[in-house]
Amino acid sequence: QVQLVESGGGFVQPGGSLRLSCAASGFRVDEYAIGWFRQAPGKGREGVSSISRGENHTQYHDSVKGRFTISRDNAKNTVFLQMNSLKPEDTAAYYCATYSYDTEEGEVVGLTPEDFDFWGHGTQVTVSS
């Protein structure tokens, strides 16, 4: 069964950290570019970060550069999003998804949600004092 399952969300104070996991089953995560997205209440889905197929070339939304790090563990078939220095505006449901199109290994992909076609169910992150 092909599946993406996000976990690791929770409640954290401003300045805190969380590590989100995106565990895949039914396919290998290194065979696809993978993206992390978030959606806050009343807002559209926003791209946060992506990692290329094969080689670990990454991209980040400007709002999270220097604070978030995307990585992949092929042995665990999981993509991670390490989130540090969290801010209240990071509060959202976070989703991972696979890129819809074929790419070369190491090719950086954008953060447009419409370019991703297989999604997990999300994990909630709440940053508040």
C-alpha atoms as a PDB file:
ATOM      1  CA  GLN A   1       0.000   0.000   0.000  1.00  0.00           C
ATOM      2  CA  VAL A   2       1.394   3.359  -1.055  1.00  0.00           C
ATOM      3  CA  GLN A   3       1.287   5.724   1.877  1.00  0.00           C
ATOM      4  CA  LEU A   4       2.854   8.836   3.414  1.00  0.00           C
ATOM      5  CA  VAL A   5       2.436   9.322   7.150  1.00  0.00           C
ATOM      6  CA  GLU A   6       3.477  12.510   8.908  1.00  0.00           C
ATOM      7  CA  SER A   7       4.266  12.623  12.622  1.00  0.00           C
ATOM      8  CA  GLY A   8       6.134  14.701  15.166  1.00  0.00           C
ATOM      9  CA  GLY A   9       3.848  17.680  15.439  1.00  0.00           C
ATOM     10  CA  GLY A  10       2.804  19.150  18.730  1.00  0.00           C
ATOM     11  CA  PHE A  11       2.628  22.202  20.938  1.00  0.00           C
ATOM     12  CA  VAL A  12       5.798  24.203  21.491  1.00  0.00           C
ATOM     13  CA  GLN A  13       6.693  27.615  22.868  1.00  0.00           C
ATOM     14  CA  PRO A  14       8.240  30.283  20.627  1.00  0.00           C
ATOM     15  CA  GLY A  15      11.920  29.580  20.129  1.00  0.00           C
ATOM     16  CA  GLY A  16      11.414  25.859  20.533  1.00  0.00           C
ATOM     17  CA  SER A  17      12.102  23.001  18.148  1.00  0.00           C
ATOM     18  CA  LEU A  18      10.272  20.084  16.599  1.00  0.00           C
ATOM     19  CA  ARG A  19      11.280  17.395  14.137  1.00  0.00           C
ATOM     20  CA  LEU A  20       8.616  16.231  11.740  1.00  0.00           C
ATOM     21  CA  SER A  21       8.788  12.849  10.047  1.00  0.00           C
ATOM     22  CA  CYS A  22       7.284  11.753   6.737  1.00  0.00           C
ATOM     23  CA  ALA A  23       7.390   7.961   6.604  1.00  0.00           C
ATOM     24  CA  ALA A  24       6.768   6.334   3.241  1.00  0.00           C
ATOM     25  CA  SER A  25       5.537   2.868   2.463  1.00  0.00           C
ATOM     26  CA  GLY A  26       4.999   1.199  -0.887  1.00  0.00           C
ATOM     27  CA  PHE A  27       7.754   3.185  -2.588  1.00  0.00           C
ATOM     28  CA  ARG A  28      11.253   4.491  -1.909  1.00  0.00           C
ATOM     29  CA  VAL A  29      11.541   8.114  -0.839  1.00  0.00           C
ATOM     30  CA  ASP A  30      14.809   8.536  -2.742  1.00  0.00           C
ATOM     31  CA  GLU A  31      12.967   7.803  -6.011  1.00  0.00           C
ATOM     32  CA  TYR A  32      10.957  11.031  -5.764  1.00  0.00           C
ATOM     33  CA  ALA A  33      11.442  14.674  -4.979  1.00  0.00           C
ATOM     34  CA  ILE A  34       9.561  15.273  -1.716  1.00  0.00           C
ATOM     35  CA  GLY A  35       8.091  18.484  -0.392  1.00  0.00           C
ATOM     36  CA  TRP A  36       6.870  19.764   2.950  1.00  0.00           C
ATOM     37  CA  PHE A  37       3.914  22.133   2.999  1.00  0.00           C
ATOM     38  CA  ARG A  38       1.811  23.844   5.622  1.00  0.00           C
ATOM     39  CA  GLN A  39      -1.660  25.252   5.881  1.00  0.00           C
ATOM     40  CA  ALA A  40      -2.785  27.638   8.590  1.00  0.00           C
ATOM     41  CA  PRO A  41      -6.494  28.114   9.369  1.00  0.00           C
ATOM     42  CA  GLY A  42      -8.138  30.300   6.739  1.00  0.00           C
ATOM     43  CA  LYS A  43      -5.071  30.305   4.494  1.00  0.00           C
ATOM     44  CA  GLY A  44      -3.964  28.413   1.434  1.00  0.00           C
ATOM     45  CA  ARG A  45      -1.409  25.639   1.385  1.00  0.00           C
ATOM     46  CA  GLU A  46       2.158  27.009   1.361  1.00  0.00           C
ATOM     47  CA  GLY A  47       5.363  25.291   0.302  1.00  0.00           C
ATOM     48  CA  VAL A  48       7.963  25.098   3.065  1.00  0.00           C
ATOM     49  CA  SER A  49      10.818  22.987   1.721  1.00  0.00           C
ATOM     50  CA  SER A  50      11.703  20.354  -0.855  1.00  0.00           C
ATOM     51  CA  ILE A  51      14.430  17.779  -1.347  1.00  0.00           C
ATOM     52  CA  SER A  52      15.486  16.423  -4.707  1.00  0.00           C
ATOM     53  CA  ARG A  53      15.285  12.871  -5.957  1.00  0.00           C
ATOM     54  CA  GLY A  54      18.500  10.994  -5.208  1.00  0.00           C
ATOM     55  CA  GLU A  55      21.032  13.651  -4.283  1.00  0.00           C
ATOM     56  CA  ASN A  56      20.020  15.824  -1.351  1.00  0.00           C
ATOM     57  CA  HIS A  57      19.557  19.180  -3.027  1.00  0.00           C
ATOM     58  CA  THR A  58      17.120  21.309  -1.111  1.00  0.00           C
ATOM     59  CA  GLN A  59      14.951  24.397  -1.357  1.00  0.00           C
ATOM     60  CA  TYR A  60      13.310  26.504   1.329  1.00  0.00           C
ATOM     61  CA  HIS A  61      10.658  29.179   1.572  1.00  0.00           C
ATOM     62  CA  ASP A  62      12.262  32.478   2.560  1.00  0.00           C
ATOM     63  CA  SER A  63      10.336  32.545   5.835  1.00  0.00           C
ATOM     64  CA  VAL A  64      12.030  29.369   7.121  1.00  0.00           C
ATOM     65  CA  LYS A  65      15.549  29.690   5.714  1.00  0.00           C
ATOM     66  CA  GLY A  66      18.132  29.278   8.443  1.00  0.00           C
ATOM     67  CA  ARG A  67      15.575  27.775  10.822  1.00  0.00           C
ATOM     68  CA  PHE A  68      14.270  24.625   9.075  1.00  0.00           C
ATOM     69  CA  THR A  69      16.269  21.760   7.612  1.00  0.00           C
ATOM     70  CA  ILE A  70      14.920  19.033   5.349  1.00  0.00           C
ATOM     71  CA  SER A  71      16.703  15.688   5.186  1.00  0.00           C
ATOM     72  CA  ARG A  72      16.146  12.124   4.081  1.00  0.00           C
ATOM     73  CA  ASP A  73      17.068   8.804   5.668  1.00  0.00           C
ATOM     74  CA  ASN A  74      16.893   6.144   2.969  1.00  0.00           C
ATOM     75  CA  ALA A  75      17.341   3.284   5.457  1.00  0.00           C
ATOM     76  CA  LYS A  76      14.239   4.460   7.326  1.00  0.00           C
ATOM     77  CA  ASN A  77      12.479   5.450   4.087  1.00  0.00           C
ATOM     78  CA  THR A  78      11.621   8.732   5.782  1.00  0.00           C
ATOM     79  CA  VAL A  79      11.990  12.435   5.082  1.00  0.00           C
ATOM     80  CA  PHE A  80      12.451  14.757   8.049  1.00  0.00           C
ATOM     81  CA  LEU A  81      11.849  18.443   8.668  1.00  0.00           C
ATOM     82  CA  GLN A  82      13.872  19.808  11.576  1.00  0.00           C
ATOM     83  CA  MET A  83      12.275  23.042  12.750  1.00  0.00           C
ATOM     84  CA  ASN A  84      14.215  25.325  15.089  1.00  0.00           C
ATOM     85  CA  SER A  85      13.549  28.805  16.448  1.00  0.00           C
ATOM     86  CA  LEU A  86       9.852  28.294  15.927  1.00  0.00           C
ATOM     87  CA  LYS A  87       7.576  31.315  15.744  1.00  0.00           C
ATOM     88  CA  PRO A  88       3.817  31.676  16.284  1.00  0.00           C
ATOM     89  CA  GLU A  89       3.424  32.256  12.551  1.00  0.00           C
ATOM     90  CA  ASP A  90       4.746  28.726  11.944  1.00  0.00           C
ATOM     91  CA  THR A  91       1.528  27.382  13.450  1.00  0.00           C
ATOM     92  CA  ALA A  92      -0.168  25.212  10.828  1.00  0.00           C
ATOM     93  CA  ALA A  93      -0.945  21.693   9.726  1.00  0.00           C
ATOM     94  CA  TYR A  94       2.167  20.317   8.012  1.00  0.00           C
ATOM     95  CA  TYR A  95       2.015  17.898   5.092  1.00  0.00           C
ATOM     96  CA  CYS A  96       4.522  16.000   2.985  1.00  0.00           C
ATOM     97  CA  ALA A  97       3.947  15.092  -0.636  1.00  0.00           C
ATOM     98  CA  THR A  98       5.633  13.569  -3.683  1.00  0.00           C
ATOM     99  CA  TYR A  99       6.509  15.637  -6.742  1.00  0.00           C
ATOM    100  CA  SER A 100       4.295  14.829  -9.712  1.00  0.00           C
ATOM    101  CA  TYR A 101       6.851  14.999 -12.500  1.00  0.00           C
ATOM    102  CA  ASP A 102       9.943  13.062 -13.470  1.00  0.00           C
ATOM    103  CA  THR A 103      13.160  14.788 -12.458  1.00  0.00           C
ATOM    104  CA  GLU A 104      16.869  14.216 -12.822  1.00  0.00           C
ATOM    105  CA  GLU A 105      18.745  13.128  -9.716  1.00  0.00           C
ATOM    106  CA  GLY A 106      19.621  16.218  -7.747  1.00  0.00           C
ATOM    107  CA  GLU A 107      17.238  18.466  -9.670  1.00  0.00           C
ATOM    108  CA  VAL A 108      15.790  21.068  -7.319  1.00  0.00           C
ATOM    109  CA  VAL A 109      12.010  21.305  -7.494  1.00  0.00           C
ATOM    110  CA  GLY A 110       9.823  24.246  -6.629  1.00  0.00           C
ATOM    111  CA  LEU A 111       7.314  24.628  -3.826  1.00  0.00           C
ATOM    112  CA  THR A 112       4.072  24.952  -5.786  1.00  0.00           C
ATOM    113  CA  PRO A 113       1.490  22.649  -4.160  1.00  0.00           C
ATOM    114  CA  GLU A 114      -0.173  21.930  -7.495  1.00  0.00           C
ATOM    115  CA  ASP A 115       3.040  20.251  -8.680  1.00  0.00           C
ATOM    116  CA  PHE A 116       2.747  17.560  -5.987  1.00  0.00           C
ATOM    117  CA  ASP A 117       0.196  14.798  -6.287  1.00  0.00           C
ATOM    118  CA  PHE A 118       0.430  12.285  -3.422  1.00  0.00           C
ATOM    119  CA  TRP A 119      -0.128  13.673   0.047  1.00  0.00           C
ATOM    120  CA  GLY A 120      -0.083  12.514   3.625  1.00  0.00           C
ATOM    121  CA  HIS A 121      -2.794  13.444   6.095  1.00  0.00           C
ATOM    122  CA  GLY A 122      -0.739  15.998   7.979  1.00  0.00           C
ATOM    123  CA  THR A 123       0.491  16.719  11.489  1.00  0.00           C
ATOM    124  CA  GLN A 124      -0.427  19.796  13.529  1.00  0.00           C
ATOM    125  CA  VAL A 125       2.207  22.225  14.789  1.00  0.00           C
ATOM    126  CA  THR A 126       1.172  24.890  17.284  1.00  0.00           C
ATOM    127  CA  VAL A 127       3.627  27.534  18.458  1.00  0.00           C
ATOM    128  CA  SER A 128       2.342  29.611  21.344  1.00  0.00           C
ATOM    129  CA  SER A 129       3.335  30.972  24.706  1.00  0.00           C
END
